[in-house]
Amino acid sequence: EPWVVPEVWLSGGPIPNRFVDVTENFDAK
């Protein structure tokens, strides 16, 4: 069935507008 994705998150682009604090997950990264 068709599906609408409400949000797209783009990584690596020139104009970020959202920053996710990953300090606690840095070791997992």
PDB file of all heavy atoms in Angstrom:
ATOM      1  N   GLU A   1       0.833  -1.198   0.000  1.00  0.00           N
ATOM      2  CA  GLU A   1       0.000   0.000   0.000  1.00  0.00           C
ATOM      3  C   GLU A   1       0.874   1.256   0.000  1.00  0.00           C
ATOM      4  O   GLU A   1       1.971   1.271   0.563  1.00  0.00           O
ATOM      5  CB  GLU A   1      -0.911   0.011   1.230  1.00  0.00           C
ATOM      6  CG  GLU A   1      -1.943  -1.104   1.268  1.00  0.00           C
ATOM      7  CD  GLU A   1      -3.069  -0.892   0.259  1.00  0.00           C
ATOM      8  OE1 GLU A   1      -3.273   0.272  -0.162  1.00  0.00           O
ATOM      9  OE2 GLU A   1      -3.729  -1.885  -0.097  1.00  0.00           O
ATOM     10  N   PRO A   2       0.396   2.335  -0.615  1.00  0.00           N
ATOM     11  CA  PRO A   2       1.141   3.601  -0.578  1.00  0.00           C
ATOM     12  C   PRO A   2       1.397   4.062   0.856  1.00  0.00           C
ATOM     13  O   PRO A   2       0.624   3.763   1.768  1.00  0.00           O
ATOM     14  CB  PRO A   2       0.219   4.565  -1.323  1.00  0.00           C
ATOM     15  CG  PRO A   2      -0.594   3.688  -2.227  1.00  0.00           C
ATOM     16  CD  PRO A   2      -0.814   2.427  -1.446  1.00  0.00           C
ATOM     17  N   TRP A   3       2.480   4.806   1.024  1.00  0.00           N
ATOM     18  CA  TRP A   3       2.859   5.285   2.349  1.00  0.00           C
ATOM     19  C   TRP A   3       3.470   6.672   2.244  1.00  0.00           C
ATOM     20  O   TRP A   3       4.327   6.917   1.398  1.00  0.00           O
ATOM     21  CB  TRP A   3       3.854   4.338   3.018  1.00  0.00           C
ATOM     22  CG  TRP A   3       4.286   4.791   4.381  1.00  0.00           C
ATOM     23  CD1 TRP A   3       5.459   5.378   4.730  1.00  0.00           C
ATOM     24  CD2 TRP A   3       3.516   4.705   5.589  1.00  0.00           C
ATOM     25  NE1 TRP A   3       5.493   5.669   6.068  1.00  0.00           N
ATOM     26  CE2 TRP A   3       4.300   5.256   6.626  1.00  0.00           C
ATOM     27  CE3 TRP A   3       2.247   4.220   5.886  1.00  0.00           C
ATOM     28  CZ2 TRP A   3       3.847   5.337   7.943  1.00  0.00           C
ATOM     29  CZ3 TRP A   3       1.791   4.295   7.197  1.00  0.00           C
ATOM     30  CH2 TRP A   3       2.591   4.849   8.205  1.00  0.00           C
ATOM     31  N   VAL A   4       3.024   7.583   3.119  1.00  0.00           N
ATOM     32  CA  VAL A   4       3.564   8.932   3.201  1.00  0.00           C
ATOM     33  C   VAL A   4       4.604   8.981   4.322  1.00  0.00           C
ATOM     34  O   VAL A   4       4.286   8.706   5.483  1.00  0.00           O
ATOM     35  CB  VAL A   4       2.454   9.965   3.460  1.00  0.00           C
ATOM     36  CG1 VAL A   4       3.056  11.353   3.678  1.00  0.00           C
ATOM     37  CG2 VAL A   4       1.461   9.978   2.314  1.00  0.00           C
ATOM     38  N   VAL A   5       5.835   9.318   3.990  1.00  0.00           N
ATOM     39  CA  VAL A   5       6.891   9.524   4.983  1.00  0.00           C
ATOM     40  C   VAL A   5       6.825  10.985   5.425  1.00  0.00           C
ATOM     41  O   VAL A   5       7.077  11.887   4.613  1.00  0.00           O
ATOM     42  CB  VAL A   5       8.280   9.214   4.403  1.00  0.00           C
ATOM     43  CG1 VAL A   5       9.356   9.426   5.464  1.00  0.00           C
ATOM     44  CG2 VAL A   5       8.334   7.797   3.848  1.00  0.00           C
ATOM     45  N   PRO A   6       6.509  11.271   6.685  1.00  0.00           N
ATOM     46  CA  PRO A   6       6.332  12.670   7.094  1.00  0.00           C
ATOM     47  C   PRO A   6       7.618  13.504   7.096  1.00  0.00           C
ATOM     48  O   PRO A   6       7.581  14.698   6.818  1.00  0.00           O
ATOM     49  CB  PRO A   6       5.765  12.563   8.518  1.00  0.00           C
ATOM     50  CG  PRO A   6       5.197  11.177   8.603  1.00  0.00           C
ATOM     51  CD  PRO A   6       6.078  10.333   7.742  1.00  0.00           C
ATOM     52  N   GLU A   7       8.765  12.865   7.435  1.00  0.00           N
ATOM     53  CA  GLU A   7      10.016  13.622   7.544  1.00  0.00           C
ATOM     54  C   GLU A   7      11.156  12.878   6.861  1.00  0.00           C
ATOM     55  O   GLU A   7      11.262  11.654   6.965  1.00  0.00           O
ATOM     56  CB  GLU A   7      10.411  13.841   9.011  1.00  0.00           C
ATOM     57  CG  GLU A   7       9.731  14.999   9.683  1.00  0.00           C
ATOM     58  CD  GLU A   7      10.306  15.299  11.055  1.00  0.00           C
ATOM     59  OE1 GLU A   7      11.260  14.625  11.496  1.00  0.00           O
ATOM     60  OE2 GLU A   7       9.779  16.231  11.688  1.00  0.00           O
ATOM     61  N   VAL A   8      12.029  13.662   6.224  1.00  0.00           N
ATOM     62  CA  VAL A   8      13.277  13.145   5.687  1.00  0.00           C
ATOM     63  C   VAL A   8      14.431  13.837   6.410  1.00  0.00           C
ATOM     64  O   VAL A   8      14.427  15.063   6.558  1.00  0.00           O
ATOM     65  CB  VAL A   8      13.378  13.383   4.174  1.00  0.00           C
ATOM     66  CG1 VAL A   8      14.743  12.957   3.648  1.00  0.00           C
ATOM     67  CG2 VAL A   8      12.278  12.644   3.432  1.00  0.00           C
ATOM     68  N   TRP A   9      15.403  13.047   6.867  1.00  0.00           N
ATOM     69  CA  TRP A   9      16.607  13.579   7.499  1.00  0.00           C
ATOM     70  C   TRP A   9      17.766  13.364   6.545  1.00  0.00           C
ATOM     71  O   TRP A   9      18.074  12.220   6.176  1.00  0.00           O
ATOM     72  CB  TRP A   9      16.889  12.875   8.827  1.00  0.00           C
ATOM     73  CG  TRP A   9      15.926  13.196   9.932  1.00  0.00           C
ATOM     74  CD1 TRP A   9      14.592  13.432   9.832  1.00  0.00           C
ATOM     75  CD2 TRP A   9      16.248  13.298  11.312  1.00  0.00           C
ATOM     76  NE1 TRP A   9      14.050  13.683  11.065  1.00  0.00           N
ATOM     77  CE2 TRP A   9      15.050  13.599  12.004  1.00  0.00           C
ATOM     78  CE3 TRP A   9      17.432  13.148  12.050  1.00  0.00           C
ATOM     79  CZ2 TRP A   9      15.008  13.765  13.384  1.00  0.00           C
ATOM     80  CZ3 TRP A   9      17.388  13.309  13.429  1.00  0.00           C
ATOM     81  CH2 TRP A   9      16.188  13.621  14.088  1.00  0.00           C
ATOM     82  N   LEU A  10      18.422  14.450   6.124  1.00  0.00           N
ATOM     83  CA  LEU A  10      19.527  14.394   5.185  1.00  0.00           C
ATOM     84  C   LEU A  10      20.853  14.541   5.925  1.00  0.00           C
ATOM     85  O   LEU A  10      21.049  15.477   6.705  1.00  0.00           O
ATOM     86  CB  LEU A  10      19.397  15.508   4.144  1.00  0.00           C
ATOM     87  CG  LEU A  10      18.115  15.487   3.305  1.00  0.00           C
ATOM     88  CD1 LEU A  10      18.045  16.726   2.426  1.00  0.00           C
ATOM     89  CD2 LEU A  10      18.025  14.219   2.467  1.00  0.00           C
ATOM     90  N   SER A  11      21.756  13.603   5.655  1.00  0.00           N
ATOM     91  CA  SER A  11      23.072  13.593   6.300  1.00  0.00           C
ATOM     92  C   SER A  11      24.137  14.048   5.308  1.00  0.00           C
ATOM     93  O   SER A  11      24.084  13.698   4.129  1.00  0.00           O
ATOM     94  CB  SER A  11      23.390  12.177   6.792  1.00  0.00           C
ATOM     95  OG  SER A  11      24.698  12.087   7.308  1.00  0.00           O
ATOM     96  N   GLY A  12      25.103  14.820   5.781  1.00  0.00           N
ATOM     97  CA  GLY A  12      26.244  15.190   4.964  1.00  0.00           C
ATOM     98  C   GLY A  12      26.040  16.401   4.083  1.00  0.00           C
ATOM     99  O   GLY A  12      26.912  16.719   3.268  1.00  0.00           O
ATOM    100  N   GLY A  13      24.923  17.078   4.217  1.00  0.00           N
ATOM    101  CA  GLY A  13      24.637  18.229   3.365  1.00  0.00           C
ATOM    102  C   GLY A  13      25.230  19.522   3.886  1.00  0.00           C
ATOM    103  O   GLY A  13      25.762  19.584   4.999  1.00  0.00           O
ATOM    104  N   PRO A  14      25.111  20.592   3.112  1.00  0.00           N
ATOM    105  CA  PRO A  14      25.750  21.863   3.468  1.00  0.00           C
ATOM    106  C   PRO A  14      24.956  22.734   4.432  1.00  0.00           C
ATOM    107  O   PRO A  14      25.497  23.710   4.961  1.00  0.00           O
ATOM    108  CB  PRO A  14      25.892  22.565   2.117  1.00  0.00           C
ATOM    109  CG  PRO A  14      24.749  22.031   1.304  1.00  0.00           C
ATOM    110  CD  PRO A  14      24.563  20.604   1.739  1.00  0.00           C
ATOM    111  N   ILE A  15      23.666  22.430   4.667  1.00  0.00           N
ATOM    112  CA  ILE A  15      22.848  23.349   5.478  1.00  0.00           C
ATOM    113  C   ILE A  15      22.060  22.580   6.546  1.00  0.00           C
ATOM    114  O   ILE A  15      20.837  22.463   6.478  1.00  0.00           O
ATOM    115  CB  ILE A  15      21.893  24.181   4.599  1.00  0.00           C
ATOM    116  CG1 ILE A  15      21.169  23.296   3.555  1.00  0.00           C
ATOM    117  CG2 ILE A  15      22.632  25.306   3.914  1.00  0.00           C
ATOM    118  CD1 ILE A  15      20.114  24.043   2.762  1.00  0.00           C
ATOM    119  N   PRO A  16      22.745  22.059   7.578  1.00  0.00           N
ATOM    120  CA  PRO A  16      22.021  21.345   8.640  1.00  0.00           C
ATOM    121  C   PRO A  16      21.128  22.290   9.435  1.00  0.00           C
ATOM    122  O   PRO A  16      21.448  23.461   9.628  1.00  0.00           O
ATOM    123  CB  PRO A  16      23.145  20.785   9.517  1.00  0.00           C
ATOM    124  CG  PRO A  16      24.313  21.684   9.264  1.00  0.00           C
ATOM    125  CD  PRO A  16      24.189  22.114   7.837  1.00  0.00           C
ATOM    126  N   ASN A  17      19.999  21.741   9.893  1.00  0.00           N
ATOM    127  CA  ASN A  17      19.093  22.510  10.751  1.00  0.00           C
ATOM    128  C   ASN A  17      18.668  21.724  11.984  1.00  0.00           C
ATOM    129  O   ASN A  17      17.809  22.175  12.728  1.00  0.00           O
ATOM    130  CB  ASN A  17      17.868  22.991   9.972  1.00  0.00           C
ATOM    131  CG  ASN A  17      17.070  21.848   9.358  1.00  0.00           C
ATOM    132  OD1 ASN A  17      17.284  20.674   9.681  1.00  0.00           O
ATOM    133  ND2 ASN A  17      16.152  22.174   8.453  1.00  0.00           N
ATOM    134  N   ARG A  18      19.247  20.537  12.180  1.00  0.00           N
ATOM    135  CA  ARG A  18      18.955  19.712  13.360  1.00  0.00           C
ATOM    136  C   ARG A  18      20.266  19.054  13.814  1.00  0.00           C
ATOM    137  O   ARG A  18      20.984  18.491  12.998  1.00  0.00           O
ATOM    138  CB  ARG A  18      17.935  18.633  13.006  1.00  0.00           C
ATOM    139  CG  ARG A  18      17.542  17.697  14.172  1.00  0.00           C
ATOM    140  CD  ARG A  18      16.556  18.344  15.125  1.00  0.00           C
ATOM    141  NE  ARG A  18      15.362  18.812  14.432  1.00  0.00           N
ATOM    142  CZ  ARG A  18      14.284  18.053  14.199  1.00  0.00           C
ATOM    143  NH1 ARG A  18      14.253  16.791  14.600  1.00  0.00           N
ATOM    144  NH2 ARG A  18      13.231  18.572  13.566  1.00  0.00           N
ATOM    145  N   PHE A  19      20.555  19.169  15.100  1.00  0.00           N
ATOM    146  CA  PHE A  19      21.767  18.593  15.664  1.00  0.00           C
ATOM    147  C   PHE A  19      21.362  17.644  16.787  1.00  0.00           C
ATOM    148  O   PHE A  19      20.698  18.061  17.738  1.00  0.00           O
ATOM    149  CB  PHE A  19      22.702  19.687  16.196  1.00  0.00           C
ATOM    150  CG  PHE A  19      23.186  20.635  15.131  1.00  0.00           C
ATOM    151  CD1 PHE A  19      22.406  21.725  14.741  1.00  0.00           C
ATOM    152  CD2 PHE A  19      24.404  20.433  14.514  1.00  0.00           C
ATOM    153  CE1 PHE A  19      22.842  22.603  13.757  1.00  0.00           C
ATOM    154  CE2 PHE A  19      24.846  21.310  13.518  1.00  0.00           C
ATOM    155  CZ  PHE A  19      24.065  22.393  13.138  1.00  0.00           C
ATOM    156  N   VAL A  20      21.752  16.392  16.668  1.00  0.00           N
ATOM    157  CA  VAL A  20      21.390  15.379  17.651  1.00  0.00           C
ATOM    158  C   VAL A  20      22.576  15.147  18.582  1.00  0.00           C
ATOM    159  O   VAL A  20      23.671  14.778  18.131  1.00  0.00           O
ATOM    160  CB  VAL A  20      20.984  14.063  16.967  1.00  0.00           C
ATOM    161  CG1 VAL A  20      20.652  12.997  18.008  1.00  0.00           C
ATOM    162  CG2 VAL A  20      19.788  14.284  16.046  1.00  0.00           C
ATOM    163  N   ASP A  21      22.366  15.356  19.871  1.00  0.00           N
ATOM    164  CA  ASP A  21      23.421  15.131  20.863  1.00  0.00           C
ATOM    165  C   ASP A  21      23.670  13.622  20.973  1.00  0.00           C
ATOM    166  O   ASP A  21      22.795  12.871  21.385  1.00  0.00           O
ATOM    167  CB  ASP A  21      22.995  15.699  22.218  1.00  0.00           C
ATOM    168  CG  ASP A  21      24.123  15.699  23.248  1.00  0.00           C
ATOM    169  OD1 ASP A  21      24.990  14.810  23.183  1.00  0.00           O
ATOM    170  OD2 ASP A  21      24.117  16.565  24.142  1.00  0.00           O
ATOM    171  N   VAL A  22      24.861  13.192  20.572  1.00  0.00           N
ATOM    172  CA  VAL A  22      25.188  11.759  20.572  1.00  0.00           C
ATOM    173  C   VAL A  22      26.314  11.447  21.549  1.00  0.00           C
ATOM    174  O   VAL A  22      26.960  10.394  21.446  1.00  0.00           O
ATOM    175  CB  VAL A  22      25.567  11.276  19.159  1.00  0.00           C
ATOM    176  CG1 VAL A  22      24.395  11.447  18.200  1.00  0.00           C
ATOM    177  CG2 VAL A  22      26.807  12.006  18.627  1.00  0.00           C
ATOM    178  N   THR A  23      26.529  12.331  22.500  1.00  0.00           N
ATOM    179  CA  THR A  23      27.645  12.149  23.425  1.00  0.00           C
ATOM    180  C   THR A  23      27.584  10.794  24.119  1.00  0.00           C
ATOM    181  O   THR A  23      28.594  10.065  24.189  1.00  0.00           O
ATOM    182  CB  THR A  23      27.652  13.276  24.483  1.00  0.00           C
ATOM    183  OG1 THR A  23      27.520  14.549  23.836  1.00  0.00           O
ATOM    184  CG2 THR A  23      28.932  13.238  25.289  1.00  0.00           C
ATOM    185  N   GLU A  24      26.396  10.441  24.630  1.00  0.00           N
ATOM    186  CA  GLU A  24      26.268   9.172  25.350  1.00  0.00           C
ATOM    187  C   GLU A  24      26.351   7.962  24.424  1.00  0.00           C
ATOM    188  O   GLU A  24      26.576   6.842  24.885  1.00  0.00           O
ATOM    189  CB  GLU A  24      24.942   9.134  26.126  1.00  0.00           C
ATOM    190  CG  GLU A  24      25.005   9.848  27.476  1.00  0.00           C
ATOM    191  CD  GLU A  24      25.116  11.362  27.327  1.00  0.00           C
ATOM    192  OE1 GLU A  24      24.506  11.916  26.388  1.00  0.00           O
ATOM    193  OE2 GLU A  24      25.819  11.984  28.140  1.00  0.00           O
ATOM    194  N   ASN A  25      26.158   8.184  23.128  1.00  0.00           N
ATOM    195  CA  ASN A  25      26.203   7.072  22.169  1.00  0.00           C
ATOM    196  C   ASN A  25      27.461   7.081  21.313  1.00  0.00           C
ATOM    197  O   ASN A  25      27.551   6.314  20.335  1.00  0.00           O
ATOM    198  CB  ASN A  25      24.962   7.125  21.269  1.00  0.00           C
ATOM    199  CG  ASN A  25      23.695   6.854  22.043  1.00  0.00           C
ATOM    200  OD1 ASN A  25      23.611   5.913  22.809  1.00  0.00           O
ATOM    201  ND2 ASN A  25      22.697   7.708  21.862  1.00  0.00           N
ATOM    202  N   PHE A  26      28.433   7.906  21.679  1.00  0.00           N
ATOM    203  CA  PHE A  26      29.645   7.991  20.874  1.00  0.00           C
ATOM    204  C   PHE A  26      30.423   6.685  20.888  1.00  0.00           C
ATOM    205  O   PHE A  26      30.968   6.256  19.857  1.00  0.00           O
ATOM    206  CB  PHE A  26      30.536   9.139  21.359  1.00  0.00           C
ATOM    207  CG  PHE A  26      31.797   9.301  20.555  1.00  0.00           C
ATOM    208  CD1 PHE A  26      31.755   9.849  19.281  1.00  0.00           C
ATOM    209  CD2 PHE A  26      33.025   8.900  21.064  1.00  0.00           C
ATOM    210  CE1 PHE A  26      32.907  10.004  18.531  1.00  0.00           C
ATOM    211  CE2 PHE A  26      34.189   9.044  20.317  1.00  0.00           C
ATOM    212  CZ  PHE A  26      34.130   9.597  19.041  1.00  0.00           C
ATOM    213  N   ASP A  27      30.484   6.024  22.032  1.00  0.00           N
ATOM    214  CA  ASP A  27      31.219   4.757  22.102  1.00  0.00           C
ATOM    215  C   ASP A  27      30.578   3.711  21.188  1.00  0.00           C
ATOM    216  O   ASP A  27      31.291   2.944  20.520  1.00  0.00           O
ATOM    217  CB  ASP A  27      31.268   4.236  23.538  1.00  0.00           C
ATOM    218  CG  ASP A  27      32.204   5.056  24.422  1.00  0.00           C
ATOM    219  OD1 ASP A  27      33.007   5.842  23.870  1.00  0.00           O
ATOM    220  OD2 ASP A  27      32.123   4.924  25.656  1.00  0.00           O
ATOM    221  N   ALA A  28      29.249   3.673  21.144  1.00  0.00           N
ATOM    222  CA  ALA A  28      28.567   2.735  20.249  1.00  0.00           C
ATOM    223  C   ALA A  28      28.868   3.083  18.798  1.00  0.00           C
ATOM    224  O   ALA A  28      29.073   2.191  17.956  1.00  0.00           O
ATOM    225  CB  ALA A  28      27.066   2.751  20.509  1.00  0.00           C
ATOM    226  N   LYS A  29      28.888   4.373  18.483  1.00  0.00           N
ATOM    227  CA  LYS A  29      29.236   4.800  17.120  1.00  0.00           C
ATOM    228  C   LYS A  29      30.629   4.325  16.751  1.00  0.00           C
ATOM    229  O   LYS A  29      30.851   3.807  15.638  1.00  0.00           O
ATOM    230  CB  LYS A  29      29.152   6.328  17.031  1.00  0.00           C
ATOM    231  CG  LYS A  29      29.520   6.905  15.651  1.00  0.00           C
ATOM    232  CD  LYS A  29      29.464   8.425  15.689  1.00  0.00           C
ATOM    233  CE  LYS A  29      29.848   9.044  14.351  1.00  0.00           C
ATOM    234  NZ  LYS A  29      28.776   8.906  13.347  1.00  0.00           N
TER     235      LYS A  29
END
